Amino acid sequence: MLSEKEKKFIEYWEEKREENKLNPFFFLSGFAGGLAIGLLVITTIGIGWYKRANMEVNAMLNPVVLIIAIIAISVFIAFFYNSFKYEQNEQLYIELKNKENK
């Protein structure tokens, strides 16, 4: 027997499962997470916490290249998070449908 919350999820996912493959909410939350990681990297380099990394960055990387790399990493994390959340919801939907059929 399914709970009311599980039934609502099944109804929601049946109508949203095709349009949620590229959900902007999941993408933006993943992008924000990637930018947070990038901000931590820039902060760590900026305060000089790890001297050797600071020397390497100053010697090899242009700040523009660093920013482009952080944006690229953020986009990758956003895409990965979007795919992960979709697959997680899809798996829950399949499990609930199997539970409903039994």
N, C-alpha and C. Protein backbone atom coordinates (compact mmCIF):
# COMPACT_ATOMS: atom_id res chain seq x y z
N MET A 1 0.84 -1.18 0.00
CA MET A 1 0.00 0.00 0.00
C MET A 1 0.88 1.24 0.00
N LEU A 2 0.56 2.15 -0.85
CA LEU A 2 1.35 3.37 -0.97
C LEU A 2 0.78 4.47 -0.07
N SER A 3 1.68 5.27 0.46
CA SER A 3 1.24 6.40 1.27
C SER A 3 0.76 7.52 0.33
N GLU A 4 0.16 8.52 0.91
CA GLU A 4 -0.35 9.65 0.12
C GLU A 4 0.80 10.41 -0.55
N LYS A 5 1.90 10.54 0.17
CA LYS A 5 3.07 11.23 -0.38
C LYS A 5 3.63 10.49 -1.60
N GLU A 6 3.67 9.16 -1.51
CA GLU A 6 4.17 8.35 -2.63
C GLU A 6 3.24 8.43 -3.84
N LYS A 7 1.94 8.45 -3.59
CA LYS A 7 0.98 8.59 -4.69
C LYS A 7 1.12 9.94 -5.39
N LYS A 8 1.32 10.98 -4.59
CA LYS A 8 1.51 12.31 -5.18
C LYS A 8 2.78 12.37 -6.02
N PHE A 9 3.83 11.70 -5.55
CA PHE A 9 5.07 11.68 -6.32
C PHE A 9 4.87 10.95 -7.65
N ILE A 10 4.15 9.84 -7.63
CA ILE A 10 3.91 9.09 -8.87
C ILE A 10 3.13 9.95 -9.86
N GLU A 11 2.10 10.63 -9.39
CA GLU A 11 1.33 11.51 -10.27
C GLU A 11 2.19 12.64 -10.82
N TYR A 12 2.99 13.24 -9.95
CA TYR A 12 3.87 14.33 -10.38
C TYR A 12 4.87 13.85 -11.42
N TRP A 13 5.50 12.70 -11.16
CA TRP A 13 6.56 12.25 -12.05
C TRP A 13 6.02 11.73 -13.38
N GLU A 14 4.79 11.20 -13.39
CA GLU A 14 4.20 10.75 -14.64
C GLU A 14 4.00 11.91 -15.61
N GLU A 15 3.63 13.07 -15.10
CA GLU A 15 3.41 14.20 -16.00
C GLU A 15 4.68 15.01 -16.25
N LYS A 16 5.68 14.92 -15.37
CA LYS A 16 6.89 15.73 -15.51
C LYS A 16 8.11 14.97 -15.98
N ARG A 17 8.04 13.67 -16.14
CA ARG A 17 9.27 12.90 -16.38
C ARG A 17 9.91 13.21 -17.72
N GLU A 18 9.16 13.54 -18.74
CA GLU A 18 9.77 13.84 -20.03
C GLU A 18 10.35 15.25 -20.08
N GLU A 19 9.72 16.19 -19.42
CA GLU A 19 10.22 17.56 -19.47
C GLU A 19 11.32 17.81 -18.44
N ASN A 20 11.52 16.91 -17.50
CA ASN A 20 12.51 17.10 -16.45
C ASN A 20 13.91 16.63 -16.81
N LYS A 21 14.12 16.18 -18.03
CA LYS A 21 15.46 15.72 -18.39
C LYS A 21 16.48 16.85 -18.30
N LEU A 22 16.07 18.05 -18.62
CA LEU A 22 16.94 19.22 -18.49
C LEU A 22 16.23 20.26 -17.62
N ASN A 23 16.02 19.90 -16.38
CA ASN A 23 15.32 20.77 -15.45
C ASN A 23 16.21 21.96 -15.07
N PRO A 24 15.78 23.19 -15.32
CA PRO A 24 16.62 24.35 -15.01
C PRO A 24 16.87 24.52 -13.51
N PHE A 25 15.95 24.09 -12.67
CA PHE A 25 16.17 24.21 -11.23
C PHE A 25 17.34 23.35 -10.78
N PHE A 26 17.36 22.10 -11.22
CA PHE A 26 18.48 21.22 -10.87
C PHE A 26 19.78 21.73 -11.46
N PHE A 27 19.70 22.25 -12.70
CA PHE A 27 20.90 22.77 -13.35
C PHE A 27 21.44 23.96 -12.57
N LEU A 28 20.57 24.89 -12.18
CA LEU A 28 21.04 26.08 -11.45
C LEU A 28 21.58 25.73 -10.07
N SER A 29 20.95 24.78 -9.40
CA SER A 29 21.47 24.41 -8.08
C SER A 29 22.81 23.70 -8.21
N GLY A 30 22.99 22.90 -9.25
CA GLY A 30 24.29 22.27 -9.49
C GLY A 30 25.34 23.29 -9.89
N PHE A 31 24.94 24.28 -10.69
CA PHE A 31 25.86 25.34 -11.10
C PHE A 31 26.31 26.16 -9.89
N ALA A 32 25.38 26.44 -9.00
CA ALA A 32 25.72 27.18 -7.78
C ALA A 32 26.69 26.38 -6.92
N GLY A 33 26.51 25.09 -6.86
CA GLY A 33 27.45 24.25 -6.11
C GLY A 33 28.84 24.27 -6.73
N GLY A 34 28.90 24.22 -8.05
CA GLY A 34 30.19 24.30 -8.74
C GLY A 34 30.88 25.64 -8.52
N LEU A 35 30.09 26.71 -8.55
CA LEU A 35 30.67 28.04 -8.29
C LEU A 35 31.15 28.16 -6.84
N ALA A 36 30.47 27.51 -5.92
CA ALA A 36 30.92 27.54 -4.53
C ALA A 36 32.27 26.84 -4.39
N ILE A 37 32.43 25.72 -5.08
CA ILE A 37 33.72 25.04 -5.05
C ILE A 37 34.80 25.92 -5.68
N GLY A 38 34.47 26.56 -6.79
CA GLY A 38 35.42 27.47 -7.44
C GLY A 38 35.78 28.65 -6.55
N LEU A 39 34.79 29.17 -5.84
CA LEU A 39 35.05 30.28 -4.92
C LEU A 39 36.00 29.85 -3.79
N LEU A 40 35.82 28.63 -3.32
CA LEU A 40 36.73 28.11 -2.29
C LEU A 40 38.15 27.97 -2.83
N VAL A 41 38.28 27.53 -4.07
CA VAL A 41 39.61 27.41 -4.68
C VAL A 41 40.26 28.78 -4.81
N ILE A 42 39.51 29.74 -5.32
CA ILE A 42 40.06 31.10 -5.48
C ILE A 42 40.42 31.69 -4.12
N THR A 43 39.58 31.47 -3.11
CA THR A 43 39.86 31.98 -1.77
C THR A 43 41.12 31.34 -1.20
N THR A 44 41.26 30.04 -1.38
CA THR A 44 42.44 29.34 -0.89
C THR A 44 43.71 29.87 -1.55
N ILE A 45 43.65 30.09 -2.84
CA ILE A 45 44.81 30.63 -3.56
C ILE A 45 45.06 32.08 -3.14
N GLY A 46 44.00 32.84 -2.99
CA GLY A 46 44.12 34.26 -2.67
C GLY A 46 44.72 34.55 -1.31
N ILE A 47 44.37 33.73 -0.31
CA ILE A 47 44.90 33.98 1.03
C ILE A 47 46.27 33.36 1.24
N GLY A 48 46.72 32.58 0.28
CA GLY A 48 48.05 32.00 0.38
C GLY A 48 48.16 30.88 1.38
N TRP A 49 47.09 30.13 1.56
CA TRP A 49 47.09 29.04 2.53
C TRP A 49 48.09 27.96 2.15
N TYR A 50 48.16 27.64 0.87
CA TYR A 50 49.10 26.62 0.40
C TYR A 50 50.09 27.31 -0.52
N LYS A 51 51.25 27.57 -0.01
CA LYS A 51 52.25 28.42 -0.69
C LYS A 51 52.66 27.84 -2.04
N ARG A 52 52.87 26.55 -2.11
CA ARG A 52 53.33 25.96 -3.37
C ARG A 52 52.27 26.10 -4.47
N ALA A 53 51.01 25.87 -4.11
CA ALA A 53 49.94 26.02 -5.10
C ALA A 53 49.85 27.46 -5.56
N ASN A 54 50.04 28.38 -4.65
CA ASN A 54 50.00 29.80 -4.98
C ASN A 54 51.13 30.14 -5.96
N MET A 55 52.31 29.60 -5.73
CA MET A 55 53.44 29.85 -6.65
C MET A 55 53.16 29.27 -8.03
N GLU A 56 52.60 28.06 -8.07
CA GLU A 56 52.29 27.41 -9.35
C GLU A 56 51.24 28.19 -10.14
N VAL A 57 50.21 28.63 -9.44
CA VAL A 57 49.15 29.39 -10.12
C VAL A 57 49.70 30.70 -10.66
N ASN A 58 50.49 31.39 -9.87
CA ASN A 58 51.05 32.66 -10.32
C ASN A 58 52.01 32.48 -11.48
N ALA A 59 52.74 31.37 -11.50
CA ALA A 59 53.73 31.14 -12.55
C ALA A 59 53.10 30.65 -13.85
N MET A 60 52.04 29.85 -13.75
CA MET A 60 51.53 29.16 -14.94
C MET A 60 50.21 29.71 -15.47
N LEU A 61 49.34 30.15 -14.59
CA LEU A 61 47.98 30.46 -15.03
C LEU A 61 47.71 31.95 -15.08
N ASN A 62 47.03 32.31 -16.09
CA ASN A 62 46.49 33.65 -16.21
C ASN A 62 45.17 33.66 -15.43
N PRO A 63 44.81 34.72 -14.74
CA PRO A 63 43.54 34.75 -13.99
C PRO A 63 42.32 34.50 -14.87
N VAL A 64 42.38 34.91 -16.12
CA VAL A 64 41.25 34.66 -17.03
C VAL A 64 41.09 33.16 -17.28
N VAL A 65 42.21 32.47 -17.43
CA VAL A 65 42.16 31.02 -17.64
C VAL A 65 41.59 30.34 -16.40
N LEU A 66 41.96 30.80 -15.22
CA LEU A 66 41.44 30.24 -13.99
C LEU A 66 39.93 30.43 -13.90
N ILE A 67 39.45 31.59 -14.24
CA ILE A 67 38.01 31.85 -14.19
C ILE A 67 37.26 30.99 -15.22
N ILE A 68 37.81 30.87 -16.41
CA ILE A 68 37.19 30.02 -17.44
C ILE A 68 37.16 28.57 -16.97
N ALA A 69 38.23 28.11 -16.35
CA ALA A 69 38.27 26.73 -15.84
C ALA A 69 37.23 26.52 -14.75
N ILE A 70 37.06 27.48 -13.87
CA ILE A 70 36.06 27.35 -12.80
C ILE A 70 34.65 27.34 -13.37
N ILE A 71 34.39 28.15 -14.38
CA ILE A 71 33.07 28.15 -15.02
C ILE A 71 32.83 26.82 -15.73
N ALA A 72 33.86 26.29 -16.39
CA ALA A 72 33.71 24.99 -17.06
C ALA A 72 33.44 23.89 -16.04
N ILE A 73 34.14 23.91 -14.94
CA ILE A 73 33.90 22.92 -13.88
C ILE A 73 32.50 23.07 -13.32
N SER A 74 32.04 24.29 -13.15
CA SER A 74 30.69 24.54 -12.64
C SER A 74 29.62 24.01 -13.59
N VAL A 75 29.82 24.20 -14.88
CA VAL A 75 28.87 23.68 -15.87
C VAL A 75 28.86 22.15 -15.84
N PHE A 76 30.04 21.55 -15.73
CA PHE A 76 30.11 20.09 -15.65
C PHE A 76 29.38 19.57 -14.41
N ILE A 77 29.62 20.20 -13.27
CA ILE A 77 28.95 19.78 -12.03
C ILE A 77 27.44 19.97 -12.15
N ALA A 78 27.02 21.06 -12.78
CA ALA A 78 25.58 21.31 -12.96
C ALA A 78 24.95 20.23 -13.83
N PHE A 79 25.61 19.87 -14.93
CA PHE A 79 25.09 18.82 -15.81
C PHE A 79 25.04 17.49 -15.08
N PHE A 80 26.10 17.17 -14.35
CA PHE A 80 26.16 15.92 -13.60
C PHE A 80 25.06 15.87 -12.54
N TYR A 81 24.87 16.97 -11.81
CA TYR A 81 23.84 17.03 -10.77
C TYR A 81 22.45 16.88 -11.36
N ASN A 82 22.22 17.53 -12.52
CA ASN A 82 20.93 17.43 -13.18
C ASN A 82 20.64 15.98 -13.58
N SER A 83 21.62 15.32 -14.16
CA SER A 83 21.45 13.92 -14.56
C SER A 83 21.24 13.03 -13.34
N PHE A 84 21.99 13.29 -12.28
CA PHE A 84 21.88 12.49 -11.07
C PHE A 84 20.49 12.60 -10.46
N LYS A 85 19.96 13.82 -10.34
CA LYS A 85 18.64 14.01 -9.75
C LYS A 85 17.55 13.37 -10.62
N TYR A 86 17.69 13.49 -11.94
CA TYR A 86 16.70 12.87 -12.82
C TYR A 86 16.69 11.36 -12.64
N GLU A 87 17.87 10.75 -12.64
CA GLU A 87 17.96 9.30 -12.48
C GLU A 87 17.47 8.85 -11.11
N GLN A 88 17.73 9.66 -10.09
CA GLN A 88 17.26 9.34 -8.75
C GLN A 88 15.73 9.34 -8.69
N ASN A 89 15.11 10.36 -9.28
CA ASN A 89 13.65 10.42 -9.30
C ASN A 89 13.06 9.31 -10.16
N GLU A 90 13.71 8.99 -11.26
CA GLU A 90 13.23 7.92 -12.13
C GLU A 90 13.29 6.57 -11.41
N GLN A 91 14.36 6.33 -10.69
CA GLN A 91 14.48 5.07 -9.95
C GLN A 91 13.42 4.98 -8.86
N LEU A 92 13.17 6.06 -8.16
CA LEU A 92 12.13 6.07 -7.13
C LEU A 92 10.77 5.81 -7.75
N TYR A 93 10.51 6.40 -8.92
CA TYR A 93 9.25 6.20 -9.62
C TYR A 93 9.06 4.72 -9.98
N ILE A 94 10.10 4.11 -10.51
CA ILE A 94 10.02 2.69 -10.91
C ILE A 94 9.79 1.81 -9.68
N GLU A 95 10.48 2.10 -8.59
CA GLU A 95 10.30 1.31 -7.37
C GLU A 95 8.87 1.46 -6.83
N LEU A 96 8.35 2.66 -6.86
CA LEU A 96 6.99 2.88 -6.37
C LEU A 96 5.95 2.22 -7.27
N LYS A 97 6.18 2.25 -8.57
CA LYS A 97 5.24 1.59 -9.50
C LYS A 97 5.26 0.07 -9.26
N ASN A 98 6.44 -0.50 -9.04
CA ASN A 98 6.53 -1.93 -8.76
C ASN A 98 5.83 -2.26 -7.44
N LYS A 99 6.01 -1.39 -6.46
CA LYS A 99 5.35 -1.59 -5.16
C LYS A 99 3.84 -1.48 -5.31
N GLU A 100 3.38 -0.58 -6.16
CA GLU A 100 1.95 -0.38 -6.40
C GLU A 100 1.35 -1.59 -7.10
N ASN A 101 2.08 -2.18 -8.03
CA ASN A 101 1.57 -3.32 -8.80
C ASN A 101 1.51 -4.60 -7.97
N LYS A 102 2.33 -4.70 -6.94
CA LYS A 102 2.29 -5.89 -6.09
C LYS A 102 1.16 -5.78 -5.16
